[in-house]
Amino acid sequence: MEIAVKAISEIDGDFRIRLSSLEPNVIDEETARRLGKYPKLCPHMHLSLQSGSDSILRRMNRRYDVDAYRRIVEIFRKQDSGFAVTTDIIVGFPGETEEEFSESLRAAQEIGFCKVHVFKYSRRNGTPAAAMEAQIPDEMKSQRAGDMIRLAERVSREFFLGNTGTVRRVLFERYDPARRMLTGLTDNYIHTYCRAEPAEAEKLLNRFGDVLLEELYEDGVRGSIMG
């Protein structure tokens, strides 16, 4: 992975690299430190946690634990305090107790994800998990998914709020002339909305611009274009 990032980073041009859908066991602490030296690599990574409970992770046969995951995130955030982590969390895995579910909630809160994709465990014939005892009832899985989604939304807003007052680089992707609103993603994966007149928007669309992030807005942050 790092070899590919290095090779792509050396290509001429104004572009950015975004890593997505990685398992935590493919990135150790030293790799996390080295990745910080590539300026074209976005300060955002989709790093799948799956569960915030070590006992659940063991039953899932995952080769990492929550502390190892947390240390990787801490290294990235020492390099950039606004480093964004998006993740996947499964609720209702066979045998998941209330305490194990609570551990997932606590992990999501403490790590401070930019976004959490929440999934209810789905039983699939032929898999080891399908044969496990103590399958979780659908009603309980739905309840836990709802609890996790509500927490994840609150954690996302806290992450966005923590980025207000900073200047981030945005790739402007869409323009709504009726609202005079230019939208795009920051390098650290925050949906950003900026007021812009049509002539200004035409110059910036599909280009990068620096934006001062000012306040929470819709599913992200509203800001002002710099310069």
C-alpha atoms as a PDB file:
ATOM      1  CA  MET A   1       0.000   0.000   0.000  1.00  0.00           C
ATOM      2  CA  GLU A   2       2.663   2.519   0.996  1.00  0.00           C
ATOM      3  CA  ILE A   3       4.637   1.732  -2.155  1.00  0.00           C
ATOM      4  CA  ALA A   4       1.577   2.621  -4.231  1.00  0.00           C
ATOM      5  CA  VAL A   5       0.984   5.846  -2.260  1.00  0.00           C
ATOM      6  CA  LYS A   6       4.613   6.862  -2.771  1.00  0.00           C
ATOM      7  CA  ALA A   7       4.511   6.151  -6.514  1.00  0.00           C
ATOM      8  CA  ILE A   8       1.262   8.045  -7.039  1.00  0.00           C
ATOM      9  CA  SER A   9       2.469  10.968  -4.911  1.00  0.00           C
ATOM     10  CA  GLU A  10       5.454  11.429  -7.212  1.00  0.00           C
ATOM     11  CA  ILE A  11       3.228  12.005 -10.262  1.00  0.00           C
ATOM     12  CA  ASP A  12       3.153  15.660 -11.287  1.00  0.00           C
ATOM     13  CA  GLY A  13      -0.114  17.541 -10.927  1.00  0.00           C
ATOM     14  CA  ASP A  14      -2.486  19.050  -8.414  1.00  0.00           C
ATOM     15  CA  PHE A  15      -4.489  16.127  -7.055  1.00  0.00           C
ATOM     16  CA  ARG A  16      -5.102  14.260  -3.845  1.00  0.00           C
ATOM     17  CA  ILE A  17      -5.041  10.624  -2.774  1.00  0.00           C
ATOM     18  CA  ARG A  18      -7.697   9.175  -0.506  1.00  0.00           C
ATOM     19  CA  LEU A  19      -7.385   5.736   1.130  1.00  0.00           C
ATOM     20  CA  SER A  20     -10.573   3.820   1.773  1.00  0.00           C
ATOM     21  CA  SER A  21     -11.922   0.519   3.079  1.00  0.00           C
ATOM     22  CA  LEU A  22      -8.823  -0.722   4.860  1.00  0.00           C
ATOM     23  CA  GLU A  23      -8.634  -3.349   7.578  1.00  0.00           C
ATOM     24  CA  PRO A  24      -6.785  -2.120  10.702  1.00  0.00           C
ATOM     25  CA  ASN A  25      -4.357  -5.054  10.585  1.00  0.00           C
ATOM     26  CA  VAL A  26      -2.825  -3.783   7.305  1.00  0.00           C
ATOM     27  CA  ILE A  27      -1.582  -0.592   9.011  1.00  0.00           C
ATOM     28  CA  ASP A  28       0.780  -0.763  11.956  1.00  0.00           C
ATOM     29  CA  GLU A  29       1.960   2.215  14.005  1.00  0.00           C
ATOM     30  CA  GLU A  30       5.166   2.702  12.010  1.00  0.00           C
ATOM     31  CA  THR A  31       3.277   2.663   8.705  1.00  0.00           C
ATOM     32  CA  ALA A  32       0.872   5.265  10.081  1.00  0.00           C
ATOM     33  CA  ARG A  33       3.817   7.526  10.938  1.00  0.00           C
ATOM     34  CA  ARG A  34       5.385   7.146   7.500  1.00  0.00           C
ATOM     35  CA  LEU A  35       2.144   7.861   5.652  1.00  0.00           C
ATOM     36  CA  GLY A  36       2.105  11.334   7.186  1.00  0.00           C
ATOM     37  CA  LYS A  37       5.022  12.433   5.000  1.00  0.00           C
ATOM     38  CA  TYR A  38       3.003  12.299   1.757  1.00  0.00           C
ATOM     39  CA  PRO A  39       1.378  15.730   1.318  1.00  0.00           C
ATOM     40  CA  LYS A  40      -0.977  14.557  -1.432  1.00  0.00           C
ATOM     41  CA  LEU A  41      -2.457  11.897   0.836  1.00  0.00           C
ATOM     42  CA  CYS A  42      -5.702  13.156   2.366  1.00  0.00           C
ATOM     43  CA  PRO A  43      -5.909  13.364   6.174  1.00  0.00           C
ATOM     44  CA  HIS A  44      -8.799  10.921   6.061  1.00  0.00           C
ATOM     45  CA  MET A  45      -9.034   7.152   6.055  1.00  0.00           C
ATOM     46  CA  HIS A  46     -11.880   4.669   6.054  1.00  0.00           C
ATOM     47  CA  LEU A  47     -10.635   2.139   8.587  1.00  0.00           C
ATOM     48  CA  SER A  48     -13.159  -0.568   9.361  1.00  0.00           C
ATOM     49  CA  LEU A  49     -13.535  -1.182  13.116  1.00  0.00           C
ATOM     50  CA  GLN A  50     -16.474  -3.662  12.929  1.00  0.00           C
ATOM     51  CA  SER A  51     -16.930  -3.665  16.711  1.00  0.00           C
ATOM     52  CA  GLY A  52     -15.704  -1.684  19.697  1.00  0.00           C
ATOM     53  CA  SER A  53     -15.647  -4.826  21.826  1.00  0.00           C
ATOM     54  CA  ASP A  54     -12.487  -6.943  21.888  1.00  0.00           C
ATOM     55  CA  SER A  55     -14.446 -10.086  22.745  1.00  0.00           C
ATOM     56  CA  ILE A  56     -16.671  -9.569  19.690  1.00  0.00           C
ATOM     57  CA  LEU A  57     -13.608  -8.933  17.506  1.00  0.00           C
ATOM     58  CA  ARG A  58     -12.143 -12.232  18.668  1.00  0.00           C
ATOM     59  CA  ARG A  59     -15.353 -14.056  17.797  1.00  0.00           C
ATOM     60  CA  MET A  60     -15.223 -12.368  14.388  1.00  0.00           C
ATOM     61  CA  ASN A  61     -11.639 -13.682  14.001  1.00  0.00           C
ATOM     62  CA  ARG A  62     -10.318 -10.127  13.564  1.00  0.00           C
ATOM     63  CA  ARG A  63      -6.571  -9.821  14.034  1.00  0.00           C
ATOM     64  CA  TYR A  64      -6.554  -6.548  15.946  1.00  0.00           C
ATOM     65  CA  ASP A  65      -8.050  -5.054  19.078  1.00  0.00           C
ATOM     66  CA  VAL A  66      -9.602  -1.706  19.921  1.00  0.00           C
ATOM     67  CA  ASP A  67      -6.474  -0.333  21.599  1.00  0.00           C
ATOM     68  CA  ALA A  68      -4.373  -1.056  18.516  1.00  0.00           C
ATOM     69  CA  TYR A  69      -6.991   0.690  16.374  1.00  0.00           C
ATOM     70  CA  ARG A  70      -7.051   3.667  18.745  1.00  0.00           C
ATOM     71  CA  ARG A  71      -3.234   4.006  18.682  1.00  0.00           C
ATOM     72  CA  ILE A  72      -3.233   4.208  14.879  1.00  0.00           C
ATOM     73  CA  VAL A  73      -5.846   6.982  14.978  1.00  0.00           C
ATOM     74  CA  GLU A  74      -3.836   8.859  17.625  1.00  0.00           C
ATOM     75  CA  ILE A  75      -0.724   8.770  15.434  1.00  0.00           C
ATOM     76  CA  PHE A  76      -2.618  10.234  12.486  1.00  0.00           C
ATOM     77  CA  ARG A  77      -4.111  12.965  14.681  1.00  0.00           C
ATOM     78  CA  LYS A  78      -0.699  13.934  16.034  1.00  0.00           C
ATOM     79  CA  GLN A  79       0.207  14.694  12.418  1.00  0.00           C
ATOM     80  CA  ASP A  80      -3.069  16.549  11.776  1.00  0.00           C
ATOM     81  CA  SER A  81      -5.522  17.190  14.609  1.00  0.00           C
ATOM     82  CA  GLY A  82      -8.341  17.273  12.050  1.00  0.00           C
ATOM     83  CA  PHE A  83      -7.552  13.828  10.664  1.00  0.00           C
ATOM     84  CA  ALA A  84     -10.875  12.158   9.828  1.00  0.00           C
ATOM     85  CA  VAL A  85     -11.639   8.490  10.344  1.00  0.00           C
ATOM     86  CA  THR A  86     -14.730   6.904   8.885  1.00  0.00           C
ATOM     87  CA  THR A  87     -15.630   3.343   9.782  1.00  0.00           C
ATOM     88  CA  ASP A  88     -18.063   0.424   9.736  1.00  0.00           C
ATOM     89  CA  ILE A  89     -19.636  -0.993  12.891  1.00  0.00           C
ATOM     90  CA  ILE A  90     -21.766  -4.133  13.032  1.00  0.00           C
ATOM     91  CA  VAL A  91     -24.340  -4.483  15.801  1.00  0.00           C
ATOM     92  CA  GLY A  92     -26.115  -7.665  16.867  1.00  0.00           C
ATOM     93  CA  PHE A  93     -23.310 -10.120  16.161  1.00  0.00           C
ATOM     94  CA  PRO A  94     -24.209 -13.530  17.659  1.00  0.00           C
ATOM     95  CA  GLY A  95     -23.909 -13.505  21.426  1.00  0.00           C
ATOM     96  CA  GLU A  96     -23.420  -9.734  21.673  1.00  0.00           C
ATOM     97  CA  THR A  97     -24.243  -8.784  25.249  1.00  0.00           C
ATOM     98  CA  GLU A  98     -25.447  -5.410  26.480  1.00  0.00           C
ATOM     99  CA  GLU A  99     -21.957  -4.752  27.868  1.00  0.00           C
ATOM    100  CA  GLU A 100     -20.294  -5.626  24.559  1.00  0.00           C
ATOM    101  CA  PHE A 101     -22.682  -3.331  22.718  1.00  0.00           C
ATOM    102  CA  SER A 102     -21.951  -0.600  25.284  1.00  0.00           C
ATOM    103  CA  GLU A 103     -18.239  -1.070  24.554  1.00  0.00           C
ATOM    104  CA  SER A 104     -18.929  -0.338  20.885  1.00  0.00           C
ATOM    105  CA  LEU A 105     -20.834   2.806  21.816  1.00  0.00           C
ATOM    106  CA  ARG A 106     -17.978   3.973  24.050  1.00  0.00           C
ATOM    107  CA  ALA A 107     -15.369   3.285  21.371  1.00  0.00           C
ATOM    108  CA  ALA A 108     -17.317   5.276  18.774  1.00  0.00           C
ATOM    109  CA  GLN A 109     -17.599   8.193  21.187  1.00  0.00           C
ATOM    110  CA  GLU A 110     -13.969   8.124  22.309  1.00  0.00           C
ATOM    111  CA  ILE A 111     -12.405   7.721  18.864  1.00  0.00           C
ATOM    112  CA  GLY A 112     -14.508  10.560  17.476  1.00  0.00           C
ATOM    113  CA  PHE A 113     -15.371   9.302  14.015  1.00  0.00           C
ATOM    114  CA  CYS A 114     -16.196  11.609  11.148  1.00  0.00           C
ATOM    115  CA  LYS A 115     -18.809   9.111   9.987  1.00  0.00           C
ATOM    116  CA  VAL A 116     -19.953   5.648  11.031  1.00  0.00           C
ATOM    117  CA  HIS A 117     -21.671   3.217   8.676  1.00  0.00           C
ATOM    118  CA  VAL A 118     -23.870   1.077  10.918  1.00  0.00           C
ATOM    119  CA  PHE A 119     -24.883  -2.428   9.887  1.00  0.00           C
ATOM    120  CA  LYS A 120     -27.088  -5.017  11.553  1.00  0.00           C
ATOM    121  CA  TYR A 121     -25.528  -8.461  11.577  1.00  0.00           C
ATOM    122  CA  SER A 122     -27.100 -10.542   8.817  1.00  0.00           C
ATOM    123  CA  ARG A 123     -27.026 -14.318   9.193  1.00  0.00           C
ATOM    124  CA  ARG A 124     -25.554 -16.047   6.145  1.00  0.00           C
ATOM    125  CA  ASN A 125     -25.759 -19.802   5.796  1.00  0.00           C
ATOM    126  CA  GLY A 126     -22.440 -21.593   5.659  1.00  0.00           C
ATOM    127  CA  THR A 127     -20.509 -19.003   7.662  1.00  0.00           C
ATOM    128  CA  PRO A 128     -19.076 -19.804  11.123  1.00  0.00           C
ATOM    129  CA  ALA A 129     -21.165 -17.006  12.673  1.00  0.00           C
ATOM    130  CA  ALA A 130     -24.385 -18.479  11.309  1.00  0.00           C
ATOM    131  CA  ALA A 131     -23.786 -21.622  13.376  1.00  0.00           C
ATOM    132  CA  MET A 132     -23.092 -19.715  16.595  1.00  0.00           C
ATOM    133  CA  GLU A 133     -25.511 -19.911  19.468  1.00  0.00           C
ATOM    134  CA  ALA A 134     -27.319 -16.900  20.953  1.00  0.00           C
ATOM    135  CA  GLN A 135     -28.366 -15.295  17.683  1.00  0.00           C
ATOM    136  CA  ILE A 136     -29.677 -11.799  18.424  1.00  0.00           C
ATOM    137  CA  PRO A 137     -33.403 -11.202  17.720  1.00  0.00           C
ATOM    138  CA  ASP A 138     -34.148  -8.822  14.841  1.00  0.00           C
ATOM    139  CA  GLU A 139     -35.989  -6.413  17.126  1.00  0.00           C
ATOM    140  CA  MET A 140     -32.963  -6.062  19.389  1.00  0.00           C
ATOM    141  CA  LYS A 141     -30.629  -5.633  16.415  1.00  0.00           C
ATOM    142  CA  SER A 142     -32.838  -2.820  15.116  1.00  0.00           C
ATOM    143  CA  GLN A 143     -32.878  -1.147  18.513  1.00  0.00           C
ATOM    144  CA  ARG A 144     -29.101  -1.321  18.833  1.00  0.00           C
ATOM    145  CA  ALA A 145     -28.628  -0.067  15.276  1.00  0.00           C
ATOM    146  CA  GLY A 146     -30.836   2.921  16.074  1.00  0.00           C
ATOM    147  CA  ASP A 147     -28.870   3.662  19.246  1.00  0.00           C
ATOM    148  CA  MET A 148     -25.573   3.457  17.371  1.00  0.00           C
ATOM    149  CA  ILE A 149     -26.815   5.645  14.509  1.00  0.00           C
ATOM    150  CA  ARG A 150     -27.960   8.355  16.927  1.00  0.00           C
ATOM    151  CA  LEU A 151     -24.618   8.288  18.722  1.00  0.00           C
ATOM    152  CA  ALA A 152     -22.726   8.312  15.417  1.00  0.00           C
ATOM    153  CA  GLU A 153     -24.642  11.381  14.228  1.00  0.00           C
ATOM    154  CA  ARG A 154     -23.787  13.212  17.440  1.00  0.00           C
ATOM    155  CA  VAL A 155     -20.121  12.204  17.196  1.00  0.00           C
ATOM    156  CA  SER A 156     -20.007  13.399  13.574  1.00  0.00           C
ATOM    157  CA  ARG A 157     -21.366  16.808  14.559  1.00  0.00           C
ATOM    158  CA  GLU A 158     -18.751  17.034  17.314  1.00  0.00           C
ATOM    159  CA  PHE A 159     -16.025  16.255  14.773  1.00  0.00           C
ATOM    160  CA  PHE A 160     -17.351  18.899  12.373  1.00  0.00           C
ATOM    161  CA  LEU A 161     -17.627  21.444  15.165  1.00  0.00           C
ATOM    162  CA  GLY A 162     -14.046  20.726  16.192  1.00  0.00           C
ATOM    163  CA  ASN A 163     -12.938  21.698  12.698  1.00  0.00           C
ATOM    164  CA  THR A 164     -14.702  25.074  12.663  1.00  0.00           C
ATOM    165  CA  GLY A 165     -12.305  27.979  12.775  1.00  0.00           C
ATOM    166  CA  THR A 166      -9.765  26.106  10.650  1.00  0.00           C
ATOM    167  CA  VAL A 167      -8.903  26.461   6.977  1.00  0.00           C
ATOM    168  CA  ARG A 168      -9.160  23.290   4.889  1.00  0.00           C
ATOM    169  CA  ARG A 169      -8.646  22.564   1.214  1.00  0.00           C
ATOM    170  CA  VAL A 170     -11.895  21.768  -0.616  1.00  0.00           C
ATOM    171  CA  LEU A 171     -12.521  20.159  -3.990  1.00  0.00           C
ATOM    172  CA  PHE A 172     -15.636  21.929  -5.272  1.00  0.00           C
ATOM    173  CA  GLU A 173     -17.857  19.405  -7.030  1.00  0.00           C
ATOM    174  CA  ARG A 174     -21.336  20.924  -7.427  1.00  0.00           C
ATOM    175  CA  TYR A 175     -23.025  24.292  -7.738  1.00  0.00           C
ATOM    176  CA  ASP A 176     -26.667  25.086  -6.995  1.00  0.00           C
ATOM    177  CA  PRO A 177     -27.467  28.357  -8.788  1.00  0.00           C
ATOM    178  CA  ALA A 178     -30.846  28.705  -7.057  1.00  0.00           C
ATOM    179  CA  ARG A 179     -29.192  28.720  -3.645  1.00  0.00           C
ATOM    180  CA  ARG A 180     -25.935  30.303  -4.865  1.00  0.00           C
ATOM    181  CA  MET A 181     -24.212  27.457  -3.062  1.00  0.00           C
ATOM    182  CA  LEU A 182     -20.949  25.775  -4.054  1.00  0.00           C
ATOM    183  CA  THR A 183     -20.344  22.423  -2.378  1.00  0.00           C
ATOM    184  CA  GLY A 184     -17.511  19.957  -2.052  1.00  0.00           C
ATOM    185  CA  LEU A 185     -15.419  17.844   0.296  1.00  0.00           C
ATOM    186  CA  THR A 186     -12.536  19.008   2.432  1.00  0.00           C
ATOM    187  CA  ASP A 187      -9.339  17.002   2.390  1.00  0.00           C
ATOM    188  CA  ASN A 188     -10.537  15.518   5.697  1.00  0.00           C
ATOM    189  CA  TYR A 189     -13.916  14.462   4.306  1.00  0.00           C
ATOM    190  CA  ILE A 190     -16.284  17.164   5.543  1.00  0.00           C
ATOM    191  CA  HIS A 191     -19.125  18.234   3.267  1.00  0.00           C
ATOM    192  CA  THR A 192     -18.640  21.973   2.857  1.00  0.00           C
ATOM    193  CA  TYR A 193     -21.070  24.631   1.632  1.00  0.00           C
ATOM    194  CA  CYS A 194     -19.954  28.074   0.427  1.00  0.00           C
ATOM    195  CA  ARG A 195     -21.920  31.005  -0.924  1.00  0.00           C
ATOM    196  CA  ALA A 196     -20.703  31.922  -4.412  1.00  0.00           C
ATOM    197  CA  GLU A 197     -21.979  33.958  -7.319  1.00  0.00           C
ATOM    198  CA  PRO A 198     -22.193  32.151 -10.681  1.00  0.00           C
ATOM    199  CA  ALA A 199     -19.057  33.744 -12.119  1.00  0.00           C
ATOM    200  CA  GLU A 200     -16.974  32.750  -9.081  1.00  0.00           C
ATOM    201  CA  ALA A 201     -18.483  29.272  -9.003  1.00  0.00           C
ATOM    202  CA  GLU A 202     -17.640  28.734 -12.672  1.00  0.00           C
ATOM    203  CA  LYS A 203     -13.961  29.396 -11.943  1.00  0.00           C
ATOM    204  CA  LEU A 204     -13.877  27.099  -8.920  1.00  0.00           C
ATOM    205  CA  LEU A 205     -16.016  24.153 -10.020  1.00  0.00           C
ATOM    206  CA  ASN A 206     -13.944  20.940 -10.185  1.00  0.00           C
ATOM    207  CA  ARG A 207     -10.997  22.820  -8.688  1.00  0.00           C
ATOM    208  CA  PHE A 208      -9.436  23.199  -5.260  1.00  0.00           C
ATOM    209  CA  GLY A 209      -9.925  26.152  -2.977  1.00  0.00           C
ATOM    210  CA  ASP A 210      -9.094  27.050   0.611  1.00  0.00           C
ATOM    211  CA  VAL A 211     -12.131  27.498   2.849  1.00  0.00           C
ATOM    212  CA  LEU A 212     -12.508  28.869   6.358  1.00  0.00           C
ATOM    213  CA  LEU A 213     -14.926  26.491   8.089  1.00  0.00           C
ATOM    214  CA  GLU A 214     -17.340  28.601  10.112  1.00  0.00           C
ATOM    215  CA  GLU A 215     -20.426  26.768  11.382  1.00  0.00           C
ATOM    216  CA  LEU A 216     -22.393  23.538  11.302  1.00  0.00           C
ATOM    217  CA  TYR A 217     -24.677  23.353   8.286  1.00  0.00           C
ATOM    218  CA  GLU A 218     -26.900  20.536   6.964  1.00  0.00           C
ATOM    219  CA  ASP A 219     -24.725  17.393   6.797  1.00  0.00           C
ATOM    220  CA  GLY A 220     -21.460  19.259   7.220  1.00  0.00           C
ATOM    221  CA  VAL A 221     -20.118  22.781   7.595  1.00  0.00           C
ATOM    222  CA  ARG A 222     -20.678  26.153   5.963  1.00  0.00           C
ATOM    223  CA  GLY A 223     -17.618  28.239   5.204  1.00  0.00           C
ATOM    224  CA  SER A 224     -16.104  31.149   3.335  1.00  0.00           C
ATOM    225  CA  ILE A 225     -13.830  30.829   0.331  1.00  0.00           C
ATOM    226  CA  MET A 226     -10.420  32.367   1.001  1.00  0.00           C
ATOM    227  CA  GLY A 227      -8.779  34.686  -1.491  1.00  0.00           C
END
